[in-house]
Amino acid sequence: LLDRLRAERRADPGAAHCWQDHLQRLAHDLRRV
């Protein structure tokens, strides 16, 4: 599941924002898990 979340972040072209956006998404993905 964690690998799939990481792959989804990489595959989402809208995710290529700044480092803060990326880490916020990562943190919220981890919280959901």
PDB file of all heavy atoms in Angstrom:
ATOM      1  N   LEU A   1       0.835  -1.193   0.000  1.00  0.00           N
ATOM      2  CA  LEU A   1       0.000   0.000   0.000  1.00  0.00           C
ATOM      3  C   LEU A   1       0.876   1.251   0.000  1.00  0.00           C
ATOM      4  O   LEU A   1       0.619   2.203  -0.739  1.00  0.00           O
ATOM      5  CB  LEU A   1      -0.929  -0.008   1.218  1.00  0.00           C
ATOM      6  CG  LEU A   1      -1.792   1.228   1.442  1.00  0.00           C
ATOM      7  CD1 LEU A   1      -2.705   1.478   0.245  1.00  0.00           C
ATOM      8  CD2 LEU A   1      -2.600   1.084   2.710  1.00  0.00           C
ATOM      9  N   LEU A   2       1.913   1.251   0.791  1.00  0.00           N
ATOM     10  CA  LEU A   2       2.818   2.399   0.833  1.00  0.00           C
ATOM     11  C   LEU A   2       3.519   2.594  -0.513  1.00  0.00           C
ATOM     12  O   LEU A   2       3.666   3.723  -0.990  1.00  0.00           O
ATOM     13  CB  LEU A   2       3.844   2.223   1.954  1.00  0.00           C
ATOM     14  CG  LEU A   2       3.258   2.192   3.364  1.00  0.00           C
ATOM     15  CD1 LEU A   2       4.314   1.806   4.377  1.00  0.00           C
ATOM     16  CD2 LEU A   2       2.620   3.512   3.717  1.00  0.00           C
ATOM     17  N   ASP A   3       3.923   1.499  -1.138  1.00  0.00           N
ATOM     18  CA  ASP A   3       4.533   1.583  -2.470  1.00  0.00           C
ATOM     19  C   ASP A   3       3.541   2.147  -3.483  1.00  0.00           C
ATOM     20  O   ASP A   3       3.898   2.960  -4.339  1.00  0.00           O
ATOM     21  CB  ASP A   3       5.024   0.211  -2.931  1.00  0.00           C
ATOM     22  CG  ASP A   3       6.261  -0.252  -2.192  1.00  0.00           C
ATOM     23  OD1 ASP A   3       6.960   0.603  -1.590  1.00  0.00           O
ATOM     24  OD2 ASP A   3       6.523  -1.467  -2.206  1.00  0.00           O
ATOM     25  N   ARG A   4       2.286   1.734  -3.394  1.00  0.00           N
ATOM     26  CA  ARG A   4       1.264   2.214  -4.321  1.00  0.00           C
ATOM     27  C   ARG A   4       1.036   3.721  -4.124  1.00  0.00           C
ATOM     28  O   ARG A   4       0.896   4.467  -5.101  1.00  0.00           O
ATOM     29  CB  ARG A   4      -0.031   1.430  -4.135  1.00  0.00           C
ATOM     30  CG  ARG A   4      -1.035   1.694  -5.223  1.00  0.00           C
ATOM     31  CD  ARG A   4      -2.215   0.727  -5.231  1.00  0.00           C
ATOM     32  NE  ARG A   4      -2.971   0.750  -4.004  1.00  0.00           N
ATOM     33  CZ  ARG A   4      -3.083  -0.300  -3.158  1.00  0.00           C
ATOM     34  NH1 ARG A   4      -2.500  -1.439  -3.425  1.00  0.00           N
ATOM     35  NH2 ARG A   4      -3.808  -0.195  -2.069  1.00  0.00           N
ATOM     36  N   LEU A   5       1.018   4.167  -2.868  1.00  0.00           N
ATOM     37  CA  LEU A   5       0.864   5.596  -2.607  1.00  0.00           C
ATOM     38  C   LEU A   5       2.021   6.391  -3.218  1.00  0.00           C
ATOM     39  O   LEU A   5       1.815   7.461  -3.788  1.00  0.00           O
ATOM     40  CB  LEU A   5       0.779   5.855  -1.100  1.00  0.00           C
ATOM     41  CG  LEU A   5      -0.483   5.388  -0.400  1.00  0.00           C
ATOM     42  CD1 LEU A   5      -0.328   5.523   1.108  1.00  0.00           C
ATOM     43  CD2 LEU A   5      -1.691   6.147  -0.894  1.00  0.00           C
ATOM     44  N   ARG A   6       3.226   5.869  -3.083  1.00  0.00           N
ATOM     45  CA  ARG A   6       4.395   6.539  -3.653  1.00  0.00           C
ATOM     46  C   ARG A   6       4.275   6.590  -5.177  1.00  0.00           C
ATOM     47  O   ARG A   6       4.529   7.619  -5.797  1.00  0.00           O
ATOM     48  CB  ARG A   6       5.683   5.840  -3.227  1.00  0.00           C
ATOM     49  CG  ARG A   6       6.919   6.548  -3.729  1.00  0.00           C
ATOM     50  CD  ARG A   6       8.232   6.018  -3.189  1.00  0.00           C
ATOM     51  NE  ARG A   6       8.357   4.583  -3.257  1.00  0.00           N
ATOM     52  CZ  ARG A   6       8.474   3.799  -2.181  1.00  0.00           C
ATOM     53  NH1 ARG A   6       8.478   4.312  -0.966  1.00  0.00           N
ATOM     54  NH2 ARG A   6       8.605   2.500  -2.325  1.00  0.00           N
ATOM     55  N   ALA A   7       3.860   5.498  -5.790  1.00  0.00           N
ATOM     56  CA  ALA A   7       3.699   5.455  -7.243  1.00  0.00           C
ATOM     57  C   ALA A   7       2.615   6.440  -7.699  1.00  0.00           C
ATOM     58  O   ALA A   7       2.770   7.097  -8.738  1.00  0.00           O
ATOM     59  CB  ALA A   7       3.358   4.038  -7.687  1.00  0.00           C
ATOM     60  N   GLU A   8       1.546   6.580  -6.937  1.00  0.00           N
ATOM     61  CA  GLU A   8       0.490   7.529  -7.285  1.00  0.00           C
ATOM     62  C   GLU A   8       1.007   8.961  -7.252  1.00  0.00           C
ATOM     63  O   GLU A   8       0.665   9.772  -8.113  1.00  0.00           O
ATOM     64  CB  GLU A   8      -0.697   7.381  -6.329  1.00  0.00           C
ATOM     65  CG  GLU A   8      -1.501   6.120  -6.547  1.00  0.00           C
ATOM     66  CD  GLU A   8      -2.525   5.878  -5.446  1.00  0.00           C
ATOM     67  OE1 GLU A   8      -2.700   6.747  -4.552  1.00  0.00           O
ATOM     68  OE2 GLU A   8      -3.149   4.802  -5.462  1.00  0.00           O
ATOM     69  N   ARG A   9       1.843   9.276  -6.271  1.00  0.00           N
ATOM     70  CA  ARG A   9       2.419  10.628  -6.210  1.00  0.00           C
ATOM     71  C   ARG A   9       3.306  10.885  -7.420  1.00  0.00           C
ATOM     72  O   ARG A   9       3.302  11.968  -7.991  1.00  0.00           O
ATOM     73  CB  ARG A   9       3.209  10.831  -4.915  1.00  0.00           C
ATOM     74  CG  ARG A   9       2.367  11.278  -3.754  1.00  0.00           C
ATOM     75  CD  ARG A   9       3.195  11.773  -2.593  1.00  0.00           C
ATOM     76  NE  ARG A   9       4.268  10.877  -2.229  1.00  0.00           N
ATOM     77  CZ  ARG A   9       4.123   9.723  -1.564  1.00  0.00           C
ATOM     78  NH1 ARG A   9       2.928   9.343  -1.184  1.00  0.00           N
ATOM     79  NH2 ARG A   9       5.146   8.972  -1.263  1.00  0.00           N
ATOM     80  N   ARG A  10       4.083   9.897  -7.816  1.00  0.00           N
ATOM     81  CA  ARG A  10       4.963  10.061  -8.978  1.00  0.00           C
ATOM     82  C   ARG A  10       4.169  10.171 -10.272  1.00  0.00           C
ATOM     83  O   ARG A  10       4.564  10.888 -11.182  1.00  0.00           O
ATOM     84  CB  ARG A  10       5.921   8.869  -9.078  1.00  0.00           C
ATOM     85  CG  ARG A  10       7.008   8.894  -8.038  1.00  0.00           C
ATOM     86  CD  ARG A  10       7.948   7.721  -8.241  1.00  0.00           C
ATOM     87  NE  ARG A  10       8.966   7.703  -7.211  1.00  0.00           N
ATOM     88  CZ  ARG A  10       9.603   6.617  -6.837  1.00  0.00           C
ATOM     89  NH1 ARG A  10       9.341   5.454  -7.403  1.00  0.00           N
ATOM     90  NH2 ARG A  10      10.514   6.677  -5.901  1.00  0.00           N
ATOM     91  N   ALA A  11       3.073   9.435 -10.374  1.00  0.00           N
ATOM     92  CA  ALA A  11       2.294   9.401 -11.611  1.00  0.00           C
ATOM     93  C   ALA A  11       1.389  10.616 -11.773  1.00  0.00           C
ATOM     94  O   ALA A  11       0.937  10.899 -12.881  1.00  0.00           O
ATOM     95  CB  ALA A  11       1.453   8.128 -11.649  1.00  0.00           C
ATOM     96  N   ASP A  12       1.126  11.340 -10.711  1.00  0.00           N
ATOM     97  CA  ASP A  12       0.213  12.478 -10.758  1.00  0.00           C
ATOM     98  C   ASP A  12       0.964  13.707 -11.265  1.00  0.00           C
ATOM     99  O   ASP A  12       1.782  14.275 -10.543  1.00  0.00           O
ATOM    100  CB  ASP A  12      -0.364  12.735  -9.366  1.00  0.00           C
ATOM    101  CG  ASP A  12      -1.348  13.891  -9.328  1.00  0.00           C
ATOM    102  OD1 ASP A  12      -1.595  14.514 -10.379  1.00  0.00           O
ATOM    103  OD2 ASP A  12      -1.866  14.169  -8.233  1.00  0.00           O
ATOM    104  N   PRO A  13       0.687  14.145 -12.503  1.00  0.00           N
ATOM    105  CA  PRO A  13       1.427  15.295 -13.027  1.00  0.00           C
ATOM    106  C   PRO A  13       1.167  16.571 -12.228  1.00  0.00           C
ATOM    107  O   PRO A  13       2.003  17.458 -12.190  1.00  0.00           O
ATOM    108  CB  PRO A  13       0.915  15.436 -14.462  1.00  0.00           C
ATOM    109  CG  PRO A  13      -0.286  14.589 -14.568  1.00  0.00           C
ATOM    110  CD  PRO A  13      -0.277  13.612 -13.427  1.00  0.00           C
ATOM    111  N   GLY A  14       0.035  16.639 -11.550  1.00  0.00           N
ATOM    112  CA  GLY A  14      -0.251  17.804 -10.709  1.00  0.00           C
ATOM    113  C   GLY A  14       0.563  17.815  -9.431  1.00  0.00           C
ATOM    114  O   GLY A  14       0.566  18.802  -8.703  1.00  0.00           O
ATOM    115  N   ALA A  15       1.250  16.721  -9.145  1.00  0.00           N
ATOM    116  CA  ALA A  15       2.015  16.630  -7.903  1.00  0.00           C
ATOM    117  C   ALA A  15       3.380  17.284  -8.019  1.00  0.00           C
ATOM    118  O   ALA A  15       4.089  17.388  -7.033  1.00  0.00           O
ATOM    119  CB  ALA A  15       2.192  15.165  -7.503  1.00  0.00           C
ATOM    120  N   ALA A  16       3.753  17.728  -9.217  1.00  0.00           N
ATOM    121  CA  ALA A  16       5.086  18.294  -9.419  1.00  0.00           C
ATOM    122  C   ALA A  16       5.120  19.753  -8.975  1.00  0.00           C
ATOM    123  O   ALA A  16       5.520  20.630  -9.723  1.00  0.00           O
ATOM    124  CB  ALA A  16       5.497  18.142 -10.875  1.00  0.00           C
ATOM    125  N   HIS A  17       4.672  19.993  -7.765  1.00  0.00           N
ATOM    126  CA  HIS A  17       4.692  21.338  -7.194  1.00  0.00           C
ATOM    127  C   HIS A  17       5.986  21.503  -6.411  1.00  0.00           C
ATOM    128  O   HIS A  17       6.943  20.780  -6.604  1.00  0.00           O
ATOM    129  CB  HIS A  17       3.478  21.552  -6.282  1.00  0.00           C
ATOM    130  CG  HIS A  17       2.170  21.417  -6.985  1.00  0.00           C
ATOM    131  ND1 HIS A  17       1.740  22.308  -7.931  1.00  0.00           N
ATOM    132  CD2 HIS A  17       1.205  20.480  -6.894  1.00  0.00           C
ATOM    133  CE1 HIS A  17       0.567  21.934  -8.388  1.00  0.00           C
ATOM    134  NE2 HIS A  17       0.208  20.825  -7.776  1.00  0.00           N
ATOM    135  N   CYS A  18       5.963  22.388  -5.487  1.00  0.00           N
ATOM    136  CA  CYS A  18       7.137  22.639  -4.662  1.00  0.00           C
ATOM    137  C   CYS A  18       7.326  21.515  -3.631  1.00  0.00           C
ATOM    138  O   CYS A  18       6.452  20.668  -3.435  1.00  0.00           O
ATOM    139  CB  CYS A  18       7.005  23.984  -3.977  1.00  0.00           C
ATOM    140  SG  CYS A  18       5.650  24.069  -2.788  1.00  0.00           S
ATOM    141  N   TRP A  19       8.464  21.544  -2.994  1.00  0.00           N
ATOM    142  CA  TRP A  19       8.797  20.502  -2.022  1.00  0.00           C
ATOM    143  C   TRP A  19       7.791  20.472  -0.887  1.00  0.00           C
ATOM    144  O   TRP A  19       7.453  19.403  -0.382  1.00  0.00           O
ATOM    145  CB  TRP A  19      10.231  20.671  -1.504  1.00  0.00           C
ATOM    146  CG  TRP A  19      10.498  21.946  -0.754  1.00  0.00           C
ATOM    147  CD1 TRP A  19      10.944  23.135  -1.254  1.00  0.00           C
ATOM    148  CD2 TRP A  19      10.328  22.155   0.655  1.00  0.00           C
ATOM    149  NE1 TRP A  19      11.050  24.067  -0.258  1.00  0.00           N
ATOM    150  CE2 TRP A  19      10.688  23.491   0.925  1.00  0.00           C
ATOM    151  CE3 TRP A  19       9.901  21.340   1.706  1.00  0.00           C
ATOM    152  CZ2 TRP A  19      10.647  24.040   2.207  1.00  0.00           C
ATOM    153  CZ3 TRP A  19       9.858  21.883   2.985  1.00  0.00           C
ATOM    154  CH2 TRP A  19      10.234  23.212   3.222  1.00  0.00           C
ATOM    155  N   GLN A  20       7.256  21.634  -0.466  1.00  0.00           N
ATOM    156  CA  GLN A  20       6.275  21.652   0.620  1.00  0.00           C
ATOM    157  C   GLN A  20       5.019  20.883   0.234  1.00  0.00           C
ATOM    158  O   GLN A  20       4.496  20.106   1.033  1.00  0.00           O
ATOM    159  CB  GLN A  20       5.887  23.091   1.014  1.00  0.00           C
ATOM    160  CG  GLN A  20       6.999  23.887   1.644  1.00  0.00           C
ATOM    161  CD  GLN A  20       7.641  24.849   0.652  1.00  0.00           C
ATOM    162  OE1 GLN A  20       7.748  24.563  -0.549  1.00  0.00           O
ATOM    163  NE2 GLN A  20       8.081  25.986   1.150  1.00  0.00           N
ATOM    164  N   ASP A  21       4.531  21.103  -0.978  1.00  0.00           N
ATOM    165  CA  ASP A  21       3.331  20.389  -1.437  1.00  0.00           C
ATOM    166  C   ASP A  21       3.568  18.882  -1.440  1.00  0.00           C
ATOM    167  O   ASP A  21       2.718  18.104  -1.017  1.00  0.00           O
ATOM    168  CB  ASP A  21       2.921  20.842  -2.844  1.00  0.00           C
ATOM    169  CG  ASP A  21       2.400  22.259  -2.887  1.00  0.00           C
ATOM    170  OD1 ASP A  21       1.984  22.784  -1.837  1.00  0.00           O
ATOM    171  OD2 ASP A  21       2.416  22.849  -3.982  1.00  0.00           O
ATOM    172  N   HIS A  22       4.721  18.485  -1.956  1.00  0.00           N
ATOM    173  CA  HIS A  22       5.039  17.061  -2.029  1.00  0.00           C
ATOM    174  C   HIS A  22       5.063  16.444  -0.630  1.00  0.00           C
ATOM    175  O   HIS A  22       4.479  15.378  -0.401  1.00  0.00           O
ATOM    176  CB  HIS A  22       6.389  16.858  -2.719  1.00  0.00           C
ATOM    177  CG  HIS A  22       6.707  15.421  -2.960  1.00  0.00           C
ATOM    178  ND1 HIS A  22       6.423  14.790  -4.146  1.00  0.00           N
ATOM    179  CD2 HIS A  22       7.263  14.475  -2.152  1.00  0.00           C
ATOM    180  CE1 HIS A  22       6.795  13.522  -4.068  1.00  0.00           C
ATOM    181  NE2 HIS A  22       7.307  13.314  -2.866  1.00  0.00           N
ATOM    182  N   LEU A  23       5.724  17.104   0.303  1.00  0.00           N
ATOM    183  CA  LEU A  23       5.828  16.543   1.653  1.00  0.00           C
ATOM    184  C   LEU A  23       4.495  16.596   2.395  1.00  0.00           C
ATOM    185  O   LEU A  23       4.211  15.700   3.199  1.00  0.00           O
ATOM    186  CB  LEU A  23       6.937  17.244   2.438  1.00  0.00           C
ATOM    187  CG  LEU A  23       8.339  17.008   1.889  1.00  0.00           C
ATOM    188  CD1 LEU A  23       9.377  17.722   2.759  1.00  0.00           C
ATOM    189  CD2 LEU A  23       8.670  15.529   1.772  1.00  0.00           C
ATOM    190  N   GLN A  24       3.670  17.585   2.112  1.00  0.00           N
ATOM    191  CA  GLN A  24       2.328  17.594   2.704  1.00  0.00           C
ATOM    192  C   GLN A  24       1.523  16.400   2.207  1.00  0.00           C
ATOM    193  O   GLN A  24       0.844  15.733   2.990  1.00  0.00           O
ATOM    194  CB  GLN A  24       1.590  18.896   2.384  1.00  0.00           C
ATOM    195  CG  GLN A  24       2.032  20.050   3.230  1.00  0.00           C
ATOM    196  CD  GLN A  24       1.264  21.319   2.920  1.00  0.00           C
ATOM    197  OE1 GLN A  24       0.830  21.549   1.796  1.00  0.00           O
ATOM    198  NE2 GLN A  24       1.105  22.151   3.936  1.00  0.00           N
ATOM    199  N   ARG A  25       1.598  16.127   0.922  1.00  0.00           N
ATOM    200  CA  ARG A  25       0.887  14.970   0.370  1.00  0.00           C
ATOM    201  C   ARG A  25       1.414  13.679   0.971  1.00  0.00           C
ATOM    202  O   ARG A  25       0.638  12.784   1.328  1.00  0.00           O
ATOM    203  CB  ARG A  25       1.012  14.946  -1.153  1.00  0.00           C
ATOM    204  CG  ARG A  25       0.227  16.069  -1.817  1.00  0.00           C
ATOM    205  CD  ARG A  25       0.330  16.019  -3.318  1.00  0.00           C
ATOM    206  NE  ARG A  25      -0.377  14.825  -3.764  1.00  0.00           N
ATOM    207  CZ  ARG A  25      -0.235  14.299  -4.959  1.00  0.00           C
ATOM    208  NH1 ARG A  25       0.576  14.829  -5.834  1.00  0.00           N
ATOM    209  NH2 ARG A  25      -0.913  13.222  -5.305  1.00  0.00           N
ATOM    210  N   LEU A  26       2.726  13.578   1.084  1.00  0.00           N
ATOM    211  CA  LEU A  26       3.332  12.388   1.687  1.00  0.00           C
ATOM    212  C   LEU A  26       2.841  12.210   3.122  1.00  0.00           C
ATOM    213  O   LEU A  26       2.417  11.123   3.515  1.00  0.00           O
ATOM    214  CB  LEU A  26       4.856  12.491   1.658  1.00  0.00           C
ATOM    215  CG  LEU A  26       5.641  11.450   2.442  1.00  0.00           C
ATOM    216  CD1 LEU A  26       5.382  10.047   1.907  1.00  0.00           C
ATOM    217  CD2 LEU A  26       7.126  11.771   2.390  1.00  0.00           C
ATOM    218  N   ALA A  27       2.869  13.273   3.899  1.00  0.00           N
ATOM    219  CA  ALA A  27       2.445  13.190   5.300  1.00  0.00           C
ATOM    220  C   ALA A  27       0.977  12.782   5.413  1.00  0.00           C
ATOM    221  O   ALA A  27       0.621  11.930   6.238  1.00  0.00           O
ATOM    222  CB  ALA A  27       2.678  14.531   5.996  1.00  0.00           C
ATOM    223  N   HIS A  28       0.126  13.347   4.575  1.00  0.00           N
ATOM    224  CA  HIS A  28      -1.293  12.998   4.633  1.00  0.00           C
ATOM    225  C   HIS A  28      -1.548  11.584   4.117  1.00  0.00           C
ATOM    226  O   HIS A  28      -2.435  10.890   4.634  1.00  0.00           O
ATOM    227  CB  HIS A  28      -2.143  14.041   3.912  1.00  0.00           C
ATOM    228  CG  HIS A  28      -2.289  15.296   4.707  1.00  0.00           C
ATOM    229  ND1 HIS A  28      -3.184  15.432   5.744  1.00  0.00           N
ATOM    230  CD2 HIS A  28      -1.609  16.468   4.653  1.00  0.00           C
ATOM    231  CE1 HIS A  28      -3.073  16.622   6.282  1.00  0.00           C
ATOM    232  NE2 HIS A  28      -2.121  17.278   5.644  1.00  0.00           N
ATOM    233  N   ASP A  29      -0.768  11.139   3.139  1.00  0.00           N
ATOM    234  CA  ASP A  29      -0.867   9.732   2.706  1.00  0.00           C
ATOM    235  C   ASP A  29      -0.516   8.802   3.861  1.00  0.00           C
ATOM    236  O   ASP A  29      -1.210   7.813   4.115  1.00  0.00           O
ATOM    237  CB  ASP A  29       0.082   9.451   1.535  1.00  0.00           C
ATOM    238  CG  ASP A  29      -0.382  10.030   0.212  1.00  0.00           C
ATOM    239  OD1 ASP A  29      -1.552  10.467   0.121  1.00  0.00           O
ATOM    240  OD2 ASP A  29       0.440  10.054  -0.731  1.00  0.00           O
ATOM    241  N   LEU A  30       0.559   9.108   4.556  1.00  0.00           N
ATOM    242  CA  LEU A  30       0.969   8.279   5.696  1.00  0.00           C
ATOM    243  C   LEU A  30      -0.082   8.310   6.801  1.00  0.00           C
ATOM    244  O   LEU A  30      -0.340   7.285   7.436  1.00  0.00           O
ATOM    245  CB  LEU A  30       2.322   8.737   6.238  1.00  0.00           C
ATOM    246  CG  LEU A  30       3.518   8.478   5.340  1.00  0.00           C
ATOM    247  CD1 LEU A  30       4.778   9.126   5.933  1.00  0.00           C
ATOM    248  CD2 LEU A  30       3.733   6.991   5.130  1.00  0.00           C
ATOM    249  N   ARG A  31      -0.703   9.460   7.015  1.00  0.00           N
ATOM    250  CA  ARG A  31      -1.745   9.549   8.043  1.00  0.00           C
ATOM    251  C   ARG A  31      -2.935   8.673   7.687  1.00  0.00           C
ATOM    252  O   ARG A  31      -3.493   7.981   8.541  1.00  0.00           O
ATOM    253  CB  ARG A  31      -2.192  10.997   8.241  1.00  0.00           C
ATOM    254  CG  ARG A  31      -3.187  11.146   9.394  1.00  0.00           C
ATOM    255  CD  ARG A  31      -3.415  12.606   9.765  1.00  0.00           C
ATOM    256  NE  ARG A  31      -4.245  12.653  10.955  1.00  0.00           N
ATOM    257  CZ  ARG A  31      -5.578  12.792  10.922  1.00  0.00           C
ATOM    258  NH1 ARG A  31      -6.215  12.914   9.773  1.00  0.00           N
ATOM    259  NH2 ARG A  31      -6.265  12.807  12.054  1.00  0.00           N
ATOM    260  N   ARG A  32      -3.336   8.676   6.414  1.00  0.00           N
ATOM    261  CA  ARG A  32      -4.454   7.812   6.005  1.00  0.00           C
ATOM    262  C   ARG A  32      -4.125   6.343   6.263  1.00  0.00           C
ATOM    263  O   ARG A  32      -4.958   5.583   6.748  1.00  0.00           O
ATOM    264  CB  ARG A  32      -4.792   8.038   4.529  1.00  0.00           C
ATOM    265  CG  ARG A  32      -5.664   9.239   4.291  1.00  0.00           C
ATOM    266  CD  ARG A  32      -6.230   9.284   2.884  1.00  0.00           C
ATOM    267  NE  ARG A  32      -5.212   9.332   1.847  1.00  0.00           N
ATOM    268  CZ  ARG A  32      -4.555  10.427   1.495  1.00  0.00           C
ATOM    269  NH1 ARG A  32      -4.815  11.567   2.097  1.00  0.00           N
ATOM    270  NH2 ARG A  32      -3.657  10.386   0.533  1.00  0.00           N
ATOM    271  N   VAL A  33      -2.903   5.951   5.940  1.00  0.00           N
ATOM    272  CA  VAL A  33      -2.484   4.564   6.181  1.00  0.00           C
ATOM    273  C   VAL A  33      -2.462   4.273   7.676  1.00  0.00           C
ATOM    274  O   VAL A  33      -2.952   3.229   8.121  1.00  0.00           O
ATOM    275  CB  VAL A  33      -1.098   4.296   5.551  1.00  0.00           C
ATOM    276  CG1 VAL A  33      -0.542   2.957   5.993  1.00  0.00           C
ATOM    277  CG2 VAL A  33      -1.187   4.367   4.035  1.00  0.00           C
TER     278      VAL A  33
END
